[in-house]
Amino acid sequence: MGFLDKAKWAWDNVGIMKSLLEKWRPRKFDNEKEYEQSLHAFLRRELSDDIEVTPQYAQGRFRADLRVGKNVVVEIKLNLDTTSKLQRLIGQVEAYEEWKGTIFLVLMGKTDQDLKSRLTSFLKKRGLTDSLILTITDKVIVVEK
């Protein structure tokens, strides 16, 4: 990644991250940790060495699966298929609200569409996402793989 690519990341890290997540094609894994490791390795290959990719990034009350650069965190959820998993994810999002950057929630495996709808509704009520259109004001972006 040359100078122009680094400048583009600084200007549009959300758009680039969304494109990279769309490009990422992991094989099927049994747990979130393996997806996290796969995404970490993929991002390290795709991004400049100047853009740090930190696994298990902790700040304040939260720990994200990955931090990319200074303003993006990624939380991977495998099989969002029970109310208890949704409630846990909502609790994590509430802890992330103090984060100043953008949060990508990456839903892997089986995702119950009713639970995803409830997650989206929660995010909209909190003013964290528009959900229909990616906007620069979205704090949380949900990506289903």
N, C-alpha and C. Protein backbone atom coordinates (compact mmCIF):
# COMPACT_ATOMS: atom_id res chain seq x y z
N MET A 1 0.85 -1.17 0.00
CA MET A 1 0.00 0.00 0.00
C MET A 1 0.90 1.23 0.00
N GLY A 2 0.79 2.03 -1.02
CA GLY A 2 1.63 3.21 -1.15
C GLY A 2 1.04 4.41 -0.43
N PHE A 3 1.67 5.55 -0.66
CA PHE A 3 1.24 6.79 -0.01
C PHE A 3 -0.22 7.09 -0.28
N LEU A 4 -0.64 6.96 -1.54
CA LEU A 4 -2.03 7.26 -1.88
C LEU A 4 -3.00 6.32 -1.17
N ASP A 5 -2.63 5.05 -1.06
CA ASP A 5 -3.48 4.09 -0.35
C ASP A 5 -3.58 4.43 1.13
N LYS A 6 -2.47 4.83 1.73
CA LYS A 6 -2.49 5.22 3.15
C LYS A 6 -3.35 6.47 3.36
N ALA A 7 -3.25 7.41 2.42
CA ALA A 7 -4.08 8.62 2.52
C ALA A 7 -5.55 8.25 2.37
N LYS A 8 -5.84 7.33 1.46
CA LYS A 8 -7.22 6.89 1.27
C LYS A 8 -7.76 6.23 2.54
N TRP A 9 -6.94 5.39 3.21
CA TRP A 9 -7.36 4.76 4.47
C TRP A 9 -7.68 5.83 5.51
N ALA A 10 -6.83 6.83 5.60
CA ALA A 10 -7.05 7.91 6.58
C ALA A 10 -8.35 8.65 6.27
N TRP A 11 -8.68 8.77 5.00
CA TRP A 11 -9.88 9.51 4.60
C TRP A 11 -11.14 8.65 4.62
N ASP A 12 -11.01 7.35 4.24
CA ASP A 12 -12.20 6.50 4.10
C ASP A 12 -11.96 5.11 4.67
N ASN A 13 -11.52 5.04 5.92
CA ASN A 13 -11.25 3.72 6.50
C ASN A 13 -12.52 2.86 6.60
N VAL A 14 -13.68 3.47 6.77
CA VAL A 14 -14.93 2.72 6.86
C VAL A 14 -15.25 2.05 5.52
N GLY A 15 -15.14 2.80 4.43
CA GLY A 15 -15.41 2.23 3.11
C GLY A 15 -14.43 1.14 2.75
N ILE A 16 -13.15 1.36 3.06
CA ILE A 16 -12.13 0.35 2.76
C ILE A 16 -12.37 -0.90 3.60
N MET A 17 -12.68 -0.71 4.87
CA MET A 17 -12.91 -1.86 5.74
C MET A 17 -14.12 -2.66 5.27
N LYS A 18 -15.17 -1.97 4.88
CA LYS A 18 -16.36 -2.66 4.36
C LYS A 18 -16.01 -3.46 3.12
N SER A 19 -15.23 -2.89 2.22
CA SER A 19 -14.80 -3.61 1.01
C SER A 19 -13.94 -4.82 1.35
N LEU A 20 -13.05 -4.66 2.30
CA LEU A 20 -12.19 -5.79 2.70
C LEU A 20 -13.01 -6.91 3.32
N LEU A 21 -14.00 -6.56 4.13
CA LEU A 21 -14.84 -7.60 4.73
C LEU A 21 -15.65 -8.34 3.66
N GLU A 22 -16.08 -7.63 2.63
CA GLU A 22 -16.79 -8.28 1.53
C GLU A 22 -15.86 -9.21 0.76
N LYS A 23 -14.60 -8.84 0.64
CA LYS A 23 -13.61 -9.63 -0.10
C LYS A 23 -13.14 -10.87 0.69
N TRP A 24 -13.16 -10.77 2.02
CA TRP A 24 -12.69 -11.86 2.89
C TRP A 24 -13.58 -13.08 2.72
N ARG A 25 -12.98 -14.20 2.39
CA ARG A 25 -13.71 -15.45 2.18
C ARG A 25 -13.10 -16.55 3.05
N PRO A 26 -13.43 -16.55 4.33
CA PRO A 26 -12.83 -17.60 5.19
C PRO A 26 -13.49 -18.95 4.94
N ARG A 27 -12.74 -19.99 5.24
CA ARG A 27 -13.37 -21.31 5.21
C ARG A 27 -14.25 -21.43 6.45
N LYS A 28 -15.03 -22.45 6.52
CA LYS A 28 -15.93 -22.63 7.67
C LYS A 28 -15.12 -23.10 8.88
N PHE A 29 -15.30 -22.38 9.99
CA PHE A 29 -14.62 -22.72 11.24
C PHE A 29 -15.66 -23.08 12.30
N ASP A 30 -15.18 -23.68 13.38
CA ASP A 30 -16.06 -24.11 14.47
C ASP A 30 -16.23 -23.07 15.57
N ASN A 31 -15.34 -22.05 15.60
CA ASN A 31 -15.45 -21.07 16.68
C ASN A 31 -15.00 -19.69 16.22
N GLU A 32 -15.37 -18.69 17.02
CA GLU A 32 -15.07 -17.29 16.70
C GLU A 32 -13.58 -17.02 16.65
N LYS A 33 -12.82 -17.66 17.52
CA LYS A 33 -11.38 -17.42 17.58
C LYS A 33 -10.71 -17.73 16.24
N GLU A 34 -11.14 -18.82 15.59
CA GLU A 34 -10.54 -19.17 14.31
C GLU A 34 -10.92 -18.14 13.23
N TYR A 35 -12.15 -17.63 13.27
CA TYR A 35 -12.54 -16.56 12.34
C TYR A 35 -11.71 -15.30 12.61
N GLU A 36 -11.52 -14.99 13.87
CA GLU A 36 -10.71 -13.83 14.24
C GLU A 36 -9.29 -13.96 13.70
N GLN A 37 -8.70 -15.13 13.87
CA GLN A 37 -7.33 -15.36 13.38
C GLN A 37 -7.27 -15.28 11.86
N SER A 38 -8.29 -15.81 11.18
CA SER A 38 -8.34 -15.76 9.73
C SER A 38 -8.46 -14.31 9.24
N LEU A 39 -9.35 -13.53 9.86
CA LEU A 39 -9.52 -12.14 9.47
C LEU A 39 -8.26 -11.34 9.76
N HIS A 40 -7.64 -11.58 10.89
CA HIS A 40 -6.39 -10.89 11.25
C HIS A 40 -5.33 -11.14 10.17
N ALA A 41 -5.14 -12.39 9.78
CA ALA A 41 -4.14 -12.73 8.76
C ALA A 41 -4.49 -12.09 7.42
N PHE A 42 -5.77 -12.11 7.06
CA PHE A 42 -6.22 -11.50 5.81
C PHE A 42 -5.94 -10.00 5.79
N LEU A 43 -6.30 -9.31 6.87
CA LEU A 43 -6.08 -7.86 6.93
C LEU A 43 -4.60 -7.52 6.90
N ARG A 44 -3.77 -8.33 7.56
CA ARG A 44 -2.32 -8.09 7.54
C ARG A 44 -1.79 -8.19 6.10
N ARG A 45 -2.34 -9.12 5.32
CA ARG A 45 -1.91 -9.27 3.91
C ARG A 45 -2.40 -8.11 3.05
N GLU A 46 -3.61 -7.62 3.33
CA GLU A 46 -4.25 -6.64 2.46
C GLU A 46 -3.88 -5.20 2.77
N LEU A 47 -3.52 -4.92 4.01
CA LEU A 47 -3.27 -3.54 4.42
C LEU A 47 -1.77 -3.25 4.52
N SER A 48 -1.45 -2.01 4.45
CA SER A 48 -0.07 -1.55 4.62
C SER A 48 0.44 -1.93 6.00
N ASP A 49 1.75 -2.13 6.08
CA ASP A 49 2.37 -2.38 7.39
C ASP A 49 2.20 -1.20 8.33
N ASP A 50 1.90 -0.03 7.77
CA ASP A 50 1.70 1.17 8.59
C ASP A 50 0.35 1.18 9.29
N ILE A 51 -0.55 0.29 8.87
CA ILE A 51 -1.87 0.22 9.50
C ILE A 51 -1.87 -0.98 10.43
N GLU A 52 -1.89 -0.69 11.71
CA GLU A 52 -1.79 -1.74 12.72
C GLU A 52 -3.10 -2.53 12.83
N VAL A 53 -2.98 -3.85 12.91
CA VAL A 53 -4.12 -4.72 13.14
C VAL A 53 -3.85 -5.45 14.45
N THR A 54 -4.61 -5.10 15.48
CA THR A 54 -4.36 -5.60 16.83
C THR A 54 -5.45 -6.58 17.26
N PRO A 55 -5.10 -7.85 17.51
CA PRO A 55 -6.11 -8.79 18.02
C PRO A 55 -6.39 -8.55 19.50
N GLN A 56 -7.62 -8.84 19.92
CA GLN A 56 -8.04 -8.73 21.31
C GLN A 56 -7.68 -7.37 21.91
N TYR A 57 -8.10 -6.32 21.23
CA TYR A 57 -7.82 -4.95 21.64
C TYR A 57 -8.73 -4.56 22.81
N ALA A 58 -8.13 -4.06 23.88
CA ALA A 58 -8.91 -3.66 25.05
C ALA A 58 -8.73 -2.16 25.30
N GLN A 59 -9.87 -1.54 25.64
CA GLN A 59 -9.85 -0.13 26.04
C GLN A 59 -11.02 0.09 26.98
N GLY A 60 -10.74 0.65 28.11
CA GLY A 60 -11.82 0.90 29.07
C GLY A 60 -12.56 -0.38 29.42
N ARG A 61 -13.88 -0.36 29.24
CA ARG A 61 -14.72 -1.50 29.61
C ARG A 61 -14.87 -2.55 28.51
N PHE A 62 -14.27 -2.34 27.36
CA PHE A 62 -14.53 -3.30 26.30
C PHE A 62 -13.26 -3.93 25.74
N ARG A 63 -13.45 -5.10 25.16
CA ARG A 63 -12.40 -5.81 24.46
C ARG A 63 -12.96 -6.24 23.11
N ALA A 64 -12.38 -5.72 22.04
CA ALA A 64 -12.82 -6.06 20.69
C ALA A 64 -11.95 -7.17 20.12
N ASP A 65 -12.51 -7.92 19.19
CA ASP A 65 -11.74 -8.99 18.56
C ASP A 65 -10.54 -8.42 17.82
N LEU A 66 -10.74 -7.32 17.10
CA LEU A 66 -9.64 -6.69 16.35
C LEU A 66 -9.79 -5.17 16.38
N ARG A 67 -8.67 -4.48 16.41
CA ARG A 67 -8.65 -3.05 16.14
C ARG A 67 -7.83 -2.88 14.87
N VAL A 68 -8.35 -2.10 13.94
CA VAL A 68 -7.68 -1.87 12.66
C VAL A 68 -7.41 -0.38 12.55
N GLY A 69 -6.13 -0.03 12.45
CA GLY A 69 -5.77 1.37 12.47
C GLY A 69 -6.10 1.93 13.85
N LYS A 70 -6.42 3.19 13.89
CA LYS A 70 -6.75 3.83 15.17
C LYS A 70 -8.24 3.99 15.40
N ASN A 71 -9.07 3.82 14.33
CA ASN A 71 -10.47 4.19 14.46
C ASN A 71 -11.49 3.11 14.12
N VAL A 72 -11.04 1.88 13.93
CA VAL A 72 -11.97 0.80 13.56
C VAL A 72 -11.76 -0.38 14.50
N VAL A 73 -12.87 -0.90 15.04
CA VAL A 73 -12.81 -2.17 15.77
C VAL A 73 -13.78 -3.15 15.12
N VAL A 74 -13.46 -4.44 15.26
CA VAL A 74 -14.26 -5.50 14.67
C VAL A 74 -14.63 -6.48 15.77
N GLU A 75 -15.90 -6.81 15.82
CA GLU A 75 -16.40 -7.84 16.74
C GLU A 75 -17.05 -8.91 15.88
N ILE A 76 -16.56 -10.14 16.00
CA ILE A 76 -17.08 -11.26 15.23
C ILE A 76 -18.03 -12.06 16.11
N LYS A 77 -19.19 -12.38 15.56
CA LYS A 77 -20.18 -13.21 16.27
C LYS A 77 -20.52 -14.40 15.40
N LEU A 78 -20.37 -15.58 15.95
CA LEU A 78 -20.69 -16.82 15.25
C LEU A 78 -22.05 -17.31 15.70
N ASN A 79 -22.92 -17.57 14.74
CA ASN A 79 -24.25 -18.15 15.00
C ASN A 79 -25.07 -17.31 15.98
N LEU A 80 -25.49 -16.15 15.51
CA LEU A 80 -26.41 -15.32 16.30
C LEU A 80 -27.79 -15.96 16.18
N ASP A 81 -28.03 -16.94 17.05
CA ASP A 81 -29.23 -17.77 16.90
C ASP A 81 -30.02 -17.97 18.19
N THR A 82 -29.65 -17.26 19.25
CA THR A 82 -30.43 -17.34 20.49
C THR A 82 -30.57 -15.94 21.08
N THR A 83 -31.62 -15.75 21.85
CA THR A 83 -31.85 -14.47 22.51
C THR A 83 -30.70 -14.13 23.45
N SER A 84 -30.15 -15.13 24.12
CA SER A 84 -29.05 -14.85 25.06
C SER A 84 -27.81 -14.35 24.31
N LYS A 85 -27.54 -14.87 23.11
CA LYS A 85 -26.41 -14.36 22.32
C LYS A 85 -26.68 -12.93 21.87
N LEU A 86 -27.93 -12.63 21.51
CA LEU A 86 -28.28 -11.26 21.14
C LEU A 86 -28.09 -10.32 22.33
N GLN A 87 -28.57 -10.72 23.49
CA GLN A 87 -28.45 -9.87 24.68
C GLN A 87 -26.99 -9.63 25.03
N ARG A 88 -26.15 -10.64 24.89
CA ARG A 88 -24.72 -10.48 25.15
C ARG A 88 -24.10 -9.50 24.15
N LEU A 89 -24.47 -9.62 22.88
CA LEU A 89 -23.96 -8.72 21.85
C LEU A 89 -24.41 -7.29 22.11
N ILE A 90 -25.66 -7.11 22.49
CA ILE A 90 -26.16 -5.77 22.81
C ILE A 90 -25.37 -5.18 23.99
N GLY A 91 -25.07 -6.00 24.99
CA GLY A 91 -24.25 -5.54 26.11
C GLY A 91 -22.86 -5.11 25.65
N GLN A 92 -22.29 -5.86 24.72
CA GLN A 92 -20.97 -5.47 24.19
C GLN A 92 -21.06 -4.14 23.45
N VAL A 93 -22.10 -3.98 22.64
CA VAL A 93 -22.27 -2.74 21.89
C VAL A 93 -22.42 -1.57 22.86
N GLU A 94 -23.17 -1.75 23.93
CA GLU A 94 -23.32 -0.68 24.93
C GLU A 94 -21.97 -0.30 25.53
N ALA A 95 -21.12 -1.29 25.78
CA ALA A 95 -19.78 -0.99 26.30
C ALA A 95 -18.94 -0.26 25.25
N TYR A 96 -19.15 -0.57 23.97
CA TYR A 96 -18.39 0.06 22.89
C TYR A 96 -18.81 1.50 22.64
N GLU A 97 -19.92 1.94 23.18
CA GLU A 97 -20.40 3.30 22.88
C GLU A 97 -19.38 4.37 23.22
N GLU A 98 -18.50 4.11 24.16
CA GLU A 98 -17.48 5.11 24.49
C GLU A 98 -16.35 5.14 23.45
N TRP A 99 -16.27 4.13 22.59
CA TRP A 99 -15.27 4.09 21.53
C TRP A 99 -15.54 5.22 20.54
N LYS A 100 -14.53 5.95 20.17
CA LYS A 100 -14.70 7.12 19.31
C LYS A 100 -14.74 6.78 17.83
N GLY A 101 -14.37 5.57 17.46
CA GLY A 101 -14.34 5.20 16.05
C GLY A 101 -15.55 4.41 15.61
N THR A 102 -15.36 3.61 14.57
CA THR A 102 -16.42 2.81 13.97
C THR A 102 -16.29 1.37 14.43
N ILE A 103 -17.44 0.73 14.66
CA ILE A 103 -17.50 -0.65 15.11
C ILE A 103 -18.13 -1.49 14.00
N PHE A 104 -17.44 -2.52 13.57
CA PHE A 104 -18.00 -3.48 12.63
C PHE A 104 -18.40 -4.73 13.39
N LEU A 105 -19.67 -5.09 13.31
CA LEU A 105 -20.17 -6.34 13.86
C LEU A 105 -20.26 -7.31 12.69
N VAL A 106 -19.45 -8.36 12.72
CA VAL A 106 -19.40 -9.32 11.63
C VAL A 106 -20.10 -10.59 12.09
N LEU A 107 -21.24 -10.87 11.46
CA LEU A 107 -22.05 -12.03 11.82
C LEU A 107 -21.69 -13.20 10.91
N MET A 108 -21.14 -14.24 11.50
CA MET A 108 -20.70 -15.42 10.76
C MET A 108 -21.64 -16.59 11.06
N GLY A 109 -21.67 -17.56 10.16
CA GLY A 109 -22.44 -18.77 10.41
C GLY A 109 -23.93 -18.52 10.27
N LYS A 110 -24.70 -19.20 11.12
CA LYS A 110 -26.16 -19.09 11.08
C LYS A 110 -26.61 -17.85 11.86
N THR A 111 -27.34 -16.99 11.18
CA THR A 111 -27.88 -15.80 11.83
C THR A 111 -29.39 -15.85 11.73
N ASP A 112 -30.05 -15.86 12.87
CA ASP A 112 -31.51 -15.80 12.91
C ASP A 112 -31.91 -14.39 12.48
N GLN A 113 -32.71 -14.30 11.42
CA GLN A 113 -33.04 -13.00 10.85
C GLN A 113 -33.90 -12.15 11.80
N ASP A 114 -34.72 -12.79 12.63
CA ASP A 114 -35.49 -12.04 13.61
C ASP A 114 -34.56 -11.40 14.64
N LEU A 115 -33.54 -12.14 15.08
CA LEU A 115 -32.57 -11.60 16.04
C LEU A 115 -31.75 -10.48 15.40
N LYS A 116 -31.39 -10.65 14.13
CA LYS A 116 -30.66 -9.59 13.42
C LYS A 116 -31.53 -8.35 13.32
N SER A 117 -32.81 -8.53 13.04
CA SER A 117 -33.74 -7.41 12.97
C SER A 117 -33.83 -6.69 14.31
N ARG A 118 -33.88 -7.46 15.39
CA ARG A 118 -33.92 -6.85 16.73
C ARG A 118 -32.62 -6.11 17.04
N LEU A 119 -31.49 -6.64 16.60
CA LEU A 119 -30.21 -5.96 16.76
C LEU A 119 -30.22 -4.64 16.00
N THR A 120 -30.66 -4.68 14.75
CA THR A 120 -30.73 -3.48 13.92
C THR A 120 -31.66 -2.44 14.54
N SER A 121 -32.78 -2.88 15.06
CA SER A 121 -33.72 -1.98 15.72
C SER A 121 -33.07 -1.31 16.93
N PHE A 122 -32.37 -2.09 17.73
CA PHE A 122 -31.65 -1.54 18.89
C PHE A 122 -30.65 -0.48 18.45
N LEU A 123 -29.87 -0.79 17.41
CA LEU A 123 -28.85 0.15 16.93
C LEU A 123 -29.48 1.44 16.42
N LYS A 124 -30.60 1.32 15.71
CA LYS A 124 -31.28 2.51 15.19
C LYS A 124 -31.83 3.36 16.34
N LYS A 125 -32.44 2.71 17.35
CA LYS A 125 -32.99 3.46 18.49
C LYS A 125 -31.91 4.21 19.23
N ARG A 126 -30.71 3.64 19.30
CA ARG A 126 -29.59 4.29 19.98
C ARG A 126 -28.90 5.31 19.10
N GLY A 127 -29.32 5.42 17.83
CA GLY A 127 -28.70 6.37 16.91
C GLY A 127 -27.32 5.94 16.46
N LEU A 128 -27.07 4.62 16.48
CA LEU A 128 -25.75 4.11 16.14
C LEU A 128 -25.61 3.71 14.67
N THR A 129 -26.74 3.56 13.99
CA THR A 129 -26.70 3.17 12.58
C THR A 129 -27.97 3.61 11.87
N ASP A 130 -27.82 3.79 10.56
CA ASP A 130 -28.98 4.04 9.71
C ASP A 130 -29.53 2.69 9.25
N SER A 131 -28.68 1.70 9.16
CA SER A 131 -28.94 0.30 8.82
C SER A 131 -29.28 0.03 7.36
N LEU A 132 -29.94 0.92 6.68
CA LEU A 132 -30.28 0.66 5.29
C LEU A 132 -29.19 1.12 4.34
N ILE A 133 -28.56 2.22 4.68
CA ILE A 133 -27.53 2.81 3.83
C ILE A 133 -26.32 3.12 4.70
N LEU A 134 -25.13 2.68 4.26
CA LEU A 134 -23.91 3.01 4.98
C LEU A 134 -23.67 4.51 4.88
N THR A 135 -23.64 5.17 6.02
CA THR A 135 -23.38 6.62 6.02
C THR A 135 -22.18 6.92 6.89
N ILE A 136 -21.60 8.07 6.69
CA ILE A 136 -20.42 8.43 7.46
C ILE A 136 -20.75 8.66 8.93
N THR A 137 -22.02 8.79 9.25
CA THR A 137 -22.41 8.99 10.65
C THR A 137 -22.66 7.68 11.39
N ASP A 138 -22.67 6.55 10.67
CA ASP A 138 -22.88 5.26 11.33
C ASP A 138 -21.72 4.94 12.24
N LYS A 139 -22.02 4.64 13.48
CA LYS A 139 -21.00 4.21 14.43
C LYS A 139 -20.84 2.70 14.40
N VAL A 140 -21.94 1.99 14.16
CA VAL A 140 -21.92 0.53 14.13
C VAL A 140 -22.40 0.07 12.76
N ILE A 141 -21.62 -0.81 12.14
CA ILE A 141 -21.97 -1.35 10.84
C ILE A 141 -22.05 -2.88 10.97
N VAL A 142 -23.18 -3.43 10.59
CA VAL A 142 -23.39 -4.88 10.67
C VAL A 142 -23.11 -5.48 9.31
N VAL A 143 -22.23 -6.50 9.29
CA VAL A 143 -21.90 -7.21 8.07
C VAL A 143 -22.21 -8.68 8.30
N GLU A 144 -23.05 -9.23 7.45
CA GLU A 144 -23.41 -10.65 7.58
C GLU A 144 -22.65 -11.43 6.51
N LYS A 145 -21.92 -12.44 6.93
CA LYS A 145 -21.13 -13.27 5.99
C LYS A 145 -21.74 -14.65 5.89
